[in-house]
Amino acid sequence: MSRKILGPFNRVEGDLAVNLTLDGERVSSAQVTSPMYRGFERALVGRPLADALVVVPRICGICSVSQSVAAVRLIQALTGVSPAANGERVMNIVHACENLADHLTHFYLFFAPDLAHADYAGQPWHADWAARLGSGGPAARQWLAARATLLRMVGLLAGRWPHTLALQPGGVTRTVDAVERLRLLGWLAEVRQFVETMLLGVPIEQMLALQQPDDLDALRAGAGDAGRWLRAADALDFARLGRAGDRFLAFAAYHNQGNAPWPAGLWADGHAQPLDLGLLSEDVSHSWYEAAPPRHPAEGDTLPNPHKHGAYSWNKAPRLAGLPAETGALARQLLAGQPCLTALVRQHGGSVLTRLLARQIEAAWLVQAIQRWLAELELSEPFIQPPTHTPLTDGMAAGLTEAARGALGHWASVEGGRINRYQIIAPTSWNFSPRDAHGQPGPLEIALEGVANQDVRIQHVVRSFDPCMVCTVH
């Protein structure tokens, strides 16, 4: 046995290190370390509830809107405020634009550059990827332009990105007129053109119609970057790389007048199951916090202890019914019943292949959804409801949503009008969790077991989960 440490990782939001135990040329076990403490949960204690709308977006500069949406949902649950229908649609558009921008950033900045790694210099795809993603390359220019357009849409609707204050429990503070809707639709058309011609190489409708693994042959044969990476994925056996227990969790997202197109649930044992939020807990056995039994986040605390024996991460270990769960676009697609991904997971389990493919299918869906929500805006109707409720003095509730990387939950209790507990479980908290009191590793730690001792191959697994470490150590 020997040991190896990888980190700090570049092209990752925040700090990350992975400690590996090697048995010959394979990883036998892994410990995933989040080495930075930030303390947002402690900073919120004692503040008025409305302060959460100011503070939590600043947890992250990539998924800031997702944090805002979770805080809005939390305050709605605590106060009983119902948003204006237009406000909810605009919130969905802003959220979807950020998540779509995240999908593009993950693929083109965080994941695909490793296909141009020096270890692959002899492979047929290496020179092409290096040219496409290098300074001045066509993919580098165009994905950045598409991302900028999406964030320009966020700016028009929410005033700024990141850290907007436009999202409120009653809706949004900005109205949209007919001219602005046309402008937004024009910008979205530019994004759609990029997604169809550069990213996918096929029409969005064809991507959304994928039914079985054989349907991927059209993508592989195409001129899009989806075909390029799928051809490399076949050579590198991504379909069998990075399996992590095959328990997938998601919360509902993109609410619209009581309905959500992405359902909450647990996908395990090959099928979707109801999600019992009462079975959530956070374990701190191997985290740098004061020792405590596993607790539901509504009852949890954040009490740092950087000298705790046996701990190796500032991340807590979220569990559902005492077991780890993976979250992300793949979980959302499985719970929504996407047939091609369901078949692939039933065949080989969750993998680098299915995580990347799920995000590209979702990218296609988001383009269509944004267009639909823009069309549904009733421009003469209100975009925000004035507060009519009695000011909150006491209560406890949760605000749940889906960031690009997966399930995001905020739990808070209020006494005397002020926050006395605020707990957050971010997507990377699930995926990069340390071991729990029973020694169960988190999803990434499981996914790294058995992987060949090759830095770039290990990085493929890590990056397939798209870590956001600043959210993890909120």
Protein backbone atom coordinates (compact mmCIF):
# COMPACT_ATOMS: atom_id res chain seq x y z
CA MET A 1 0.00 0.00 0.00
CA SER A 2 1.12 3.56 -0.69
CA ARG A 3 -0.43 6.99 -0.35
CA LYS A 4 -0.83 9.87 -2.75
CA ILE A 5 -2.27 13.36 -2.43
CA LEU A 6 -3.80 15.22 -5.38
CA GLY A 7 -4.45 18.91 -4.89
CA PRO A 8 -5.00 21.69 -4.85
CA PHE A 9 -6.99 21.18 -8.06
CA ASN A 10 -6.98 23.90 -10.69
CA ARG A 11 -10.17 24.86 -12.55
CA VAL A 12 -12.25 24.25 -9.41
CA GLU A 13 -14.36 26.79 -7.52
CA GLY A 14 -12.64 26.75 -4.11
CA ASP A 15 -10.08 24.48 -2.50
CA LEU A 16 -10.01 20.70 -2.89
CA ALA A 17 -7.57 17.91 -2.05
CA VAL A 18 -7.94 14.15 -2.50
CA ASN A 19 -5.92 11.71 -0.39
CA LEU A 20 -5.58 8.33 -2.08
CA THR A 21 -4.50 4.94 -0.77
CA LEU A 22 -3.07 2.87 -3.60
CA ASP A 23 -2.93 -0.89 -3.95
CA GLY A 24 -0.51 -1.44 -6.78
CA GLU A 25 -1.71 0.61 -9.74
CA ARG A 26 -5.26 1.13 -8.47
CA VAL A 27 -6.94 3.35 -5.88
CA SER A 28 -8.13 1.21 -2.98
CA SER A 29 -9.68 4.06 -0.96
CA ALA A 30 -9.98 7.84 -1.00
CA GLN A 31 -10.50 10.69 1.42
CA VAL A 32 -11.89 13.90 -0.07
CA THR A 33 -10.87 17.03 1.83
CA SER A 34 -12.52 20.45 1.81
CA PRO A 35 -9.73 22.40 3.52
CA MET A 36 -11.30 25.87 3.85
CA TYR A 37 -13.85 27.01 6.47
CA ARG A 38 -16.06 30.02 5.69
CA GLY A 39 -18.80 30.12 8.33
CA PHE A 40 -21.87 31.53 6.56
CA GLU A 41 -24.20 29.47 8.75
CA ARG A 42 -22.74 31.04 11.87
CA ALA A 43 -22.77 34.52 10.31
CA LEU A 44 -26.53 34.33 9.75
CA VAL A 45 -27.41 33.59 13.38
CA GLY A 46 -28.95 36.60 15.11
CA ARG A 47 -29.85 38.45 11.92
CA PRO A 48 -33.35 39.34 10.69
CA LEU A 49 -34.70 36.69 8.35
CA ALA A 50 -34.67 39.03 5.34
CA ASP A 51 -30.89 39.34 5.67
CA ALA A 52 -30.59 35.85 4.21
CA LEU A 53 -31.53 37.32 0.82
CA VAL A 54 -28.44 39.53 1.04
CA VAL A 55 -25.99 37.10 2.64
CA VAL A 56 -26.53 33.70 1.02
CA PRO A 57 -26.03 34.76 -2.63
CA ARG A 58 -22.49 35.67 -1.61
CA ILE A 59 -21.69 32.09 -0.71
CA CYS A 60 -20.73 31.52 -4.33
CA GLY A 61 -19.85 33.45 -7.47
CA ILE A 62 -20.96 30.63 -9.79
CA CYS A 63 -24.32 29.45 -8.41
CA SER A 64 -25.31 32.65 -6.63
CA VAL A 65 -28.86 32.64 -8.07
CA SER A 66 -29.43 29.09 -6.84
CA GLN A 67 -28.59 30.20 -3.30
CA SER A 68 -30.99 33.13 -3.70
CA VAL A 69 -33.79 30.84 -4.91
CA ALA A 70 -33.32 28.50 -1.94
CA ALA A 71 -33.50 31.46 0.47
CA VAL A 72 -36.62 32.79 -1.28
CA ARG A 73 -38.30 29.36 -1.03
CA LEU A 74 -37.37 29.21 2.64
CA ILE A 75 -38.89 32.62 3.41
CA GLN A 76 -42.00 31.76 1.40
CA ALA A 77 -42.43 28.60 3.49
CA LEU A 78 -41.94 30.49 6.74
CA THR A 79 -44.19 33.46 5.94
CA GLY A 80 -46.82 31.96 3.66
CA VAL A 81 -46.11 34.50 0.91
CA SER A 82 -47.16 33.39 -2.59
CA PRO A 83 -45.24 34.92 -5.51
CA ALA A 84 -46.83 36.63 -8.48
CA ALA A 85 -47.03 34.25 -11.44
CA ASN A 86 -44.88 36.56 -13.57
CA GLY A 87 -42.35 36.85 -10.76
CA GLU A 88 -42.09 33.08 -10.49
CA ARG A 89 -41.56 32.79 -14.26
CA VAL A 90 -38.82 35.43 -14.23
CA MET A 91 -37.18 33.72 -11.25
CA ASN A 92 -37.19 30.47 -13.24
CA ILE A 93 -35.67 32.22 -16.27
CA VAL A 94 -32.90 33.82 -14.21
CA HIS A 95 -32.22 30.53 -12.41
CA ALA A 96 -32.23 28.53 -15.66
CA CYS A 97 -29.88 31.01 -17.37
CA GLU A 98 -27.39 30.62 -14.53
CA ASN A 99 -27.68 26.82 -14.55
CA LEU A 100 -27.27 26.66 -18.34
CA ALA A 101 -24.22 28.94 -18.12
CA ASP A 102 -22.91 26.57 -15.44
CA HIS A 103 -23.35 23.56 -17.74
CA LEU A 104 -21.35 25.30 -20.48
CA THR A 105 -18.64 26.37 -18.02
CA HIS A 106 -18.35 22.87 -16.60
CA PHE A 107 -17.94 21.25 -19.98
CA TYR A 108 -15.69 23.73 -21.75
CA LEU A 109 -13.60 25.03 -18.84
CA PHE A 110 -13.56 22.33 -16.17
CA PHE A 111 -13.92 18.98 -17.98
CA ALA A 112 -13.01 19.10 -21.68
CA PRO A 113 -9.50 20.59 -21.26
CA ASP A 114 -8.38 17.29 -19.71
CA LEU A 115 -9.05 15.61 -23.07
CA ALA A 116 -6.16 17.73 -24.34
CA HIS A 117 -3.91 16.52 -21.51
CA ALA A 118 -0.34 15.60 -22.41
CA ASP A 119 -1.03 11.96 -21.43
CA TYR A 120 -3.33 11.75 -24.47
CA ALA A 121 -0.89 13.27 -26.94
CA GLY A 122 -0.95 10.10 -29.06
CA GLN A 123 -4.75 9.89 -29.19
CA PRO A 124 -6.65 11.00 -32.32
CA TRP A 125 -8.74 13.58 -30.46
CA HIS A 126 -5.88 15.32 -28.62
CA ALA A 127 -4.78 17.86 -31.23
CA ASP A 128 -8.36 18.76 -32.10
CA TRP A 129 -9.35 19.49 -28.49
CA ALA A 130 -6.14 21.43 -27.86
CA ALA A 131 -6.85 23.62 -30.90
CA ARG A 132 -10.53 24.10 -30.11
CA LEU A 133 -10.03 25.07 -26.47
CA GLY A 134 -6.77 26.98 -26.78
CA SER A 135 -6.53 30.75 -26.88
CA GLY A 136 -8.40 31.92 -29.96
CA GLY A 137 -9.82 28.46 -30.69
CA PRO A 138 -13.40 28.29 -32.01
CA ALA A 139 -14.89 26.53 -28.99
CA ALA A 140 -13.09 28.86 -26.57
CA ARG A 141 -14.45 31.94 -28.33
CA GLN A 142 -17.99 30.74 -28.83
CA TRP A 143 -18.77 29.14 -25.47
CA LEU A 144 -17.56 32.26 -23.68
CA ALA A 145 -19.77 34.39 -25.91
CA ALA A 146 -22.79 32.14 -25.22
CA ARG A 147 -22.13 32.27 -21.49
CA ALA A 148 -21.83 36.06 -21.60
CA THR A 149 -25.17 36.26 -23.42
CA LEU A 150 -26.87 34.15 -20.76
CA LEU A 151 -25.48 36.35 -18.00
CA ARG A 152 -26.55 39.45 -19.94
CA MET A 153 -30.07 38.04 -19.77
CA VAL A 154 -29.68 37.62 -16.01
CA GLY A 155 -28.44 41.19 -15.78
CA LEU A 156 -31.44 42.59 -17.62
CA LEU A 157 -33.94 40.66 -15.50
CA ALA A 158 -32.18 40.69 -12.11
CA GLY A 159 -30.07 43.85 -12.23
CA ARG A 160 -26.74 42.12 -11.76
CA TRP A 161 -24.95 38.79 -11.63
CA PRO A 162 -23.84 37.42 -9.28
CA HIS A 163 -25.43 38.39 -5.95
CA THR A 164 -28.70 39.84 -7.21
CA LEU A 165 -31.30 41.17 -4.77
CA ALA A 166 -34.10 41.13 -7.36
CA LEU A 167 -35.46 37.72 -6.28
CA GLN A 168 -37.94 38.19 -3.44
CA PRO A 169 -40.58 36.01 -1.74
CA GLY A 170 -43.37 37.87 -3.58
CA GLY A 171 -41.71 37.64 -7.01
CA VAL A 172 -39.11 39.88 -8.64
CA THR A 173 -38.44 43.60 -8.36
CA ARG A 174 -38.06 44.15 -12.12
CA THR A 175 -40.88 44.18 -14.68
CA VAL A 176 -40.45 43.21 -18.34
CA ASP A 177 -41.99 45.08 -21.27
CA ALA A 178 -42.66 43.91 -24.82
CA VAL A 179 -39.46 45.37 -26.24
CA GLU A 180 -37.36 43.72 -23.55
CA ARG A 181 -39.03 40.36 -24.13
CA LEU A 182 -38.12 40.58 -27.81
CA ARG A 183 -34.55 41.44 -26.87
CA LEU A 184 -34.38 38.48 -24.48
CA LEU A 185 -35.78 36.13 -27.13
CA GLY A 186 -33.17 37.40 -29.59
CA TRP A 187 -30.37 36.73 -27.13
CA LEU A 188 -31.79 33.30 -26.39
CA ALA A 189 -31.82 32.54 -30.12
CA GLU A 190 -28.06 33.22 -30.16
CA VAL A 191 -27.58 30.78 -27.28
CA ARG A 192 -29.75 28.18 -28.99
CA GLN A 193 -27.67 28.45 -32.16
CA PHE A 194 -24.51 27.81 -30.15
CA VAL A 195 -26.04 24.84 -28.29
CA GLU A 196 -27.29 23.22 -31.50
CA THR A 197 -24.34 23.88 -33.79
CA MET A 198 -21.29 23.94 -31.53
CA LEU A 199 -22.17 21.94 -28.41
CA LEU A 200 -24.56 19.25 -29.63
CA GLY A 201 -24.25 19.19 -33.41
CA VAL A 202 -27.94 18.20 -33.63
CA PRO A 203 -31.23 20.09 -33.14
CA ILE A 204 -32.40 20.46 -29.55
CA GLU A 205 -35.50 18.40 -30.31
CA GLN A 206 -33.33 15.47 -31.43
CA MET A 207 -31.30 15.65 -28.22
CA LEU A 208 -34.44 15.63 -26.11
CA ALA A 209 -35.82 12.66 -28.06
CA LEU A 210 -32.97 10.29 -27.08
CA GLN A 211 -34.63 6.98 -26.17
CA GLN A 212 -31.89 4.36 -25.99
CA PRO A 213 -28.09 4.15 -25.96
CA ASP A 214 -28.00 3.33 -29.70
CA ASP A 215 -29.49 6.78 -30.36
CA LEU A 216 -26.17 8.28 -29.25
CA ASP A 217 -24.63 7.11 -32.52
CA ALA A 218 -26.07 10.18 -34.25
CA LEU A 219 -24.27 12.39 -31.73
CA ARG A 220 -21.01 10.44 -32.09
CA ALA A 221 -21.10 10.85 -35.85
CA GLY A 222 -21.94 14.53 -35.72
CA ALA A 223 -19.75 17.59 -35.95
CA GLY A 224 -20.66 18.94 -32.51
CA ASP A 225 -18.47 18.86 -29.43
CA ALA A 226 -20.87 16.29 -27.94
CA GLY A 227 -19.77 13.89 -30.69
CA ARG A 228 -16.12 14.72 -30.13
CA TRP A 229 -16.19 13.98 -26.41
CA LEU A 230 -18.37 10.88 -26.86
CA ARG A 231 -15.81 9.41 -29.26
CA ALA A 232 -13.10 10.05 -26.68
CA ALA A 233 -15.38 8.66 -23.96
CA ASP A 234 -15.68 5.38 -25.86
CA ALA A 235 -11.91 5.05 -26.11
CA LEU A 236 -11.46 5.88 -22.42
CA ASP A 237 -14.37 3.67 -21.27
CA PHE A 238 -16.12 6.51 -19.45
CA ALA A 239 -19.28 4.37 -19.25
CA ARG A 240 -17.55 2.20 -16.63
CA LEU A 241 -15.55 4.91 -14.90
CA GLY A 242 -16.56 6.57 -11.65
CA ARG A 243 -19.52 4.53 -10.37
CA ALA A 244 -20.68 5.84 -6.99
CA GLY A 245 -23.31 3.65 -5.35
CA ASP A 246 -26.22 4.38 -7.72
CA ARG A 247 -28.44 6.21 -5.20
CA PHE A 248 -29.54 9.52 -6.72
CA LEU A 249 -31.32 12.36 -4.93
CA ALA A 250 -32.99 15.50 -6.27
CA PHE A 251 -35.29 18.25 -5.03
CA ALA A 252 -38.04 19.86 -7.10
CA ALA A 253 -37.04 22.90 -9.17
CA TYR A 254 -38.45 25.60 -11.46
CA HIS A 255 -41.80 25.91 -9.68
CA ASN A 256 -44.60 27.45 -11.69
CA GLN A 257 -47.95 28.02 -9.92
CA GLY A 258 -47.58 24.96 -7.72
CA ASN A 259 -46.07 22.65 -10.33
CA ALA A 260 -42.42 21.70 -10.90
CA PRO A 261 -41.20 19.99 -14.10
CA TRP A 262 -38.32 18.40 -12.21
CA PRO A 263 -39.72 16.16 -9.45
CA ALA A 264 -38.16 15.57 -6.07
CA GLY A 265 -37.28 11.99 -5.24
CA LEU A 266 -34.76 9.24 -4.70
CA TRP A 267 -33.70 6.99 -7.57
CA ALA A 268 -32.37 3.70 -6.16
CA ASP A 269 -32.58 0.00 -6.93
CA GLY A 270 -33.33 0.87 -10.53
CA HIS A 271 -36.42 3.03 -10.04
CA ALA A 272 -37.76 6.32 -8.64
CA GLN A 273 -38.99 6.46 -5.07
CA PRO A 274 -40.64 9.17 -2.94
CA LEU A 275 -38.28 11.43 -1.01
CA ASP A 276 -38.81 11.48 2.76
CA LEU A 277 -37.16 14.71 3.92
CA GLY A 278 -37.50 13.58 7.50
CA LEU A 279 -34.81 10.96 6.84
CA LEU A 280 -32.14 13.57 6.03
CA SER A 281 -29.23 13.94 8.43
CA GLU A 282 -25.75 15.39 8.60
CA ASP A 283 -22.93 13.40 10.20
CA VAL A 284 -19.83 15.20 11.52
CA SER A 285 -17.80 12.18 12.65
CA HIS A 286 -14.98 12.93 10.22
CA SER A 287 -15.56 16.67 9.92
CA TRP A 288 -13.81 19.46 11.80
CA TYR A 289 -16.81 20.21 14.01
CA GLU A 290 -17.64 19.46 17.62
CA ALA A 291 -18.70 15.83 18.07
CA ALA A 292 -22.45 15.30 17.83
CA PRO A 293 -24.78 12.52 16.71
CA PRO A 294 -26.20 12.71 13.18
CA ARG A 295 -28.90 15.37 13.07
CA HIS A 296 -31.53 16.56 10.67
CA PRO A 297 -30.40 19.91 9.21
CA ALA A 298 -33.37 21.63 10.90
CA GLU A 299 -31.75 20.68 14.22
CA GLY A 300 -28.08 20.91 13.26
CA ASP A 301 -25.34 23.26 14.41
CA THR A 302 -22.05 24.45 12.98
CA LEU A 303 -19.49 24.45 15.80
CA PRO A 304 -15.95 24.40 14.36
CA ASN A 305 -13.21 22.30 15.95
CA PRO A 306 -10.13 22.42 13.68
CA HIS A 307 -8.15 20.14 16.05
CA LYS A 308 -10.64 17.27 16.11
CA HIS A 309 -8.94 13.88 16.02
CA GLY A 310 -9.89 11.71 13.05
CA ALA A 311 -11.45 14.51 11.02
CA TYR A 312 -10.23 15.36 7.53
CA SER A 313 -12.72 17.80 5.98
CA TRP A 314 -14.73 20.94 6.69
CA ASN A 315 -17.56 19.32 4.76
CA LYS A 316 -20.23 17.53 6.75
CA ALA A 317 -21.56 14.15 5.56
CA PRO A 318 -25.20 14.40 4.41
CA ARG A 319 -27.10 11.13 4.46
CA LEU A 320 -30.58 9.98 3.49
CA ALA A 321 -31.88 7.16 5.70
CA GLY A 322 -28.28 6.75 6.87
CA LEU A 323 -26.88 6.24 3.36
CA PRO A 324 -24.95 8.49 0.96
CA ALA A 325 -26.59 9.74 -2.21
CA GLU A 326 -25.34 11.33 -5.42
CA THR A 327 -26.97 14.46 -6.73
CA GLY A 328 -26.79 16.46 -9.96
CA ALA A 329 -28.23 16.57 -13.46
CA LEU A 330 -28.09 12.78 -13.72
CA ALA A 331 -30.33 12.45 -10.65
CA ARG A 332 -32.79 14.95 -12.13
CA GLN A 333 -32.92 13.14 -15.47
CA LEU A 334 -33.39 9.72 -13.88
CA LEU A 335 -36.25 10.97 -11.71
CA ALA A 336 -37.81 12.62 -14.76
CA GLY A 337 -37.64 9.26 -16.54
CA GLN A 338 -35.17 10.10 -19.33
CA PRO A 339 -35.05 6.68 -21.09
CA CYS A 340 -31.56 6.72 -22.62
CA LEU A 341 -29.85 7.68 -19.36
CA THR A 342 -32.01 5.22 -17.41
CA ALA A 343 -30.88 2.41 -19.70
CA LEU A 344 -27.22 3.42 -19.40
CA VAL A 345 -27.37 3.57 -15.59
CA ARG A 346 -29.14 0.23 -15.37
CA GLN A 347 -26.43 -1.25 -17.57
CA HIS A 348 -23.27 0.13 -15.96
CA GLY A 349 -24.37 2.43 -13.12
CA GLY A 350 -23.72 6.12 -12.79
CA SER A 351 -20.50 7.13 -14.49
CA VAL A 352 -18.42 9.89 -16.01
CA LEU A 353 -20.31 9.27 -19.25
CA THR A 354 -23.81 9.58 -17.79
CA ARG A 355 -23.00 12.64 -15.65
CA LEU A 356 -21.70 14.56 -18.66
CA LEU A 357 -24.45 13.39 -20.98
CA ALA A 358 -27.18 14.33 -18.46
CA ARG A 359 -25.92 17.91 -18.36
CA GLN A 360 -25.98 18.20 -22.14
CA ILE A 361 -29.51 16.81 -22.34
CA GLU A 362 -30.50 19.28 -19.66
CA ALA A 363 -28.83 22.13 -21.56
CA ALA A 364 -31.20 21.42 -24.45
CA TRP A 365 -34.19 21.30 -22.10
CA LEU A 366 -33.25 24.60 -20.43
CA VAL A 367 -33.12 26.47 -23.75
CA GLN A 368 -36.66 25.34 -24.53
CA ALA A 369 -37.89 26.07 -21.01
CA ILE A 370 -36.52 29.63 -20.99
CA GLN A 371 -38.24 30.31 -24.32
CA ARG A 372 -41.52 28.93 -22.95
CA TRP A 373 -41.39 30.99 -19.74
CA LEU A 374 -40.64 34.15 -21.71
CA ALA A 375 -43.67 33.49 -23.92
CA GLU A 376 -45.88 32.89 -20.87
CA LEU A 377 -45.15 36.28 -19.29
CA GLU A 378 -48.33 38.33 -19.02
CA LEU A 379 -46.79 41.76 -19.32
CA SER A 380 -49.76 43.70 -17.97
CA GLU A 381 -49.91 41.62 -14.79
CA PRO A 382 -47.85 42.17 -11.58
CA PHE A 383 -44.35 40.78 -11.23
CA ILE A 384 -44.35 40.95 -7.42
CA GLN A 385 -46.99 40.66 -4.73
CA PRO A 386 -46.95 43.33 -2.02
CA PRO A 387 -46.43 41.91 1.48
CA THR A 388 -49.77 41.34 3.20
CA HIS A 389 -48.70 38.94 5.94
CA THR A 390 -48.08 39.54 9.60
CA PRO A 391 -44.34 39.90 10.26
CA LEU A 392 -42.84 36.56 11.22
CA THR A 393 -41.76 36.15 14.83
CA ASP A 394 -41.25 32.40 15.20
CA GLY A 395 -41.09 29.38 12.91
CA MET A 396 -38.98 26.74 11.17
CA ALA A 397 -38.96 25.71 7.51
CA ALA A 398 -36.88 24.58 4.54
CA GLY A 399 -36.17 26.09 1.14
CA LEU A 400 -35.25 23.53 -1.51
CA THR A 401 -34.17 23.87 -5.13
CA GLU A 402 -31.74 22.47 -7.70
CA ALA A 403 -28.47 24.14 -8.60
CA ALA A 404 -26.64 23.00 -11.73
CA ARG A 405 -24.66 20.58 -9.57
CA GLY A 406 -27.67 19.16 -7.76
CA ALA A 407 -29.87 19.36 -4.67
CA LEU A 408 -29.56 22.55 -2.61
CA GLY A 409 -31.38 22.96 0.70
CA HIS A 410 -31.63 25.74 3.27
CA TRP A 411 -33.15 25.08 6.71
CA ALA A 412 -33.80 27.85 9.23
CA SER A 413 -35.58 28.52 12.50
CA VAL A 414 -36.61 31.99 13.64
CA GLU A 415 -37.29 33.22 17.16
CA GLY A 416 -38.40 36.74 17.94
CA GLY A 417 -38.08 37.66 14.29
CA ARG A 418 -34.40 36.72 14.11
CA ILE A 419 -32.56 33.68 12.80
CA ASN A 420 -31.42 31.36 15.57
CA ARG A 421 -30.36 28.48 13.29
CA TYR A 422 -29.51 28.38 9.58
CA GLN A 423 -28.19 25.21 7.95
CA ILE A 424 -27.32 24.60 4.30
CA ILE A 425 -26.64 21.39 2.39
CA ALA A 426 -25.14 22.16 -1.01
CA PRO A 427 -24.83 19.70 -3.92
CA THR A 428 -21.09 19.22 -3.42
CA SER A 429 -21.77 18.58 0.27
CA TRP A 430 -23.54 15.41 -0.89
CA ASN A 431 -21.13 14.38 -3.62
CA PHE A 432 -17.86 15.18 -1.84
CA SER A 433 -18.87 14.18 1.66
CA PRO A 434 -16.37 12.51 4.01
CA ARG A 435 -17.01 9.23 5.78
CA ASP A 436 -19.72 8.99 8.41
CA ALA A 437 -19.76 7.30 11.83
CA HIS A 438 -20.21 3.89 10.16
CA GLY A 439 -17.21 4.42 7.90
CA GLN A 440 -19.36 4.80 4.78
CA PRO A 441 -17.54 6.92 2.20
CA GLY A 442 -19.21 9.70 0.24
CA PRO A 443 -20.08 9.37 -3.47
CA LEU A 444 -16.78 10.69 -4.88
CA GLU A 445 -14.81 8.57 -2.42
CA ILE A 446 -16.75 5.52 -3.67
CA ALA A 447 -16.33 6.55 -7.31
CA LEU A 448 -12.54 6.72 -7.00
CA GLU A 449 -12.19 3.17 -5.65
CA GLY A 450 -10.59 0.93 -8.27
CA VAL A 451 -9.60 3.77 -10.60
CA ALA A 452 -6.17 3.44 -12.23
CA ASN A 453 -3.39 5.48 -10.64
CA GLN A 454 -3.24 8.01 -13.44
CA ASP A 455 -3.71 11.65 -12.47
CA VAL A 456 -5.75 12.63 -15.52
CA ARG A 457 -8.05 9.61 -15.13
CA ILE A 458 -8.66 10.45 -11.48
CA GLN A 459 -9.38 14.03 -12.54
CA HIS A 460 -12.01 12.83 -15.02
CA VAL A 461 -13.91 11.25 -12.12
CA VAL A 462 -13.53 14.27 -9.85
CA ARG A 463 -14.56 16.76 -12.54
CA SER A 464 -17.54 14.69 -13.66
CA PHE A 465 -19.18 15.75 -10.36
CA ASP A 466 -18.24 19.42 -11.02
CA PRO A 467 -17.16 20.38 -7.49
CA CYS A 468 -18.08 23.78 -6.07
CA MET A 469 -16.07 23.80 -2.87
CA VAL A 470 -17.02 27.30 -1.72
CA CYS A 471 -20.65 26.17 -1.48
CA THR A 472 -19.53 22.98 0.26
CA VAL A 473 -17.79 24.86 3.08
CA HIS A 474 -20.39 27.65 3.28
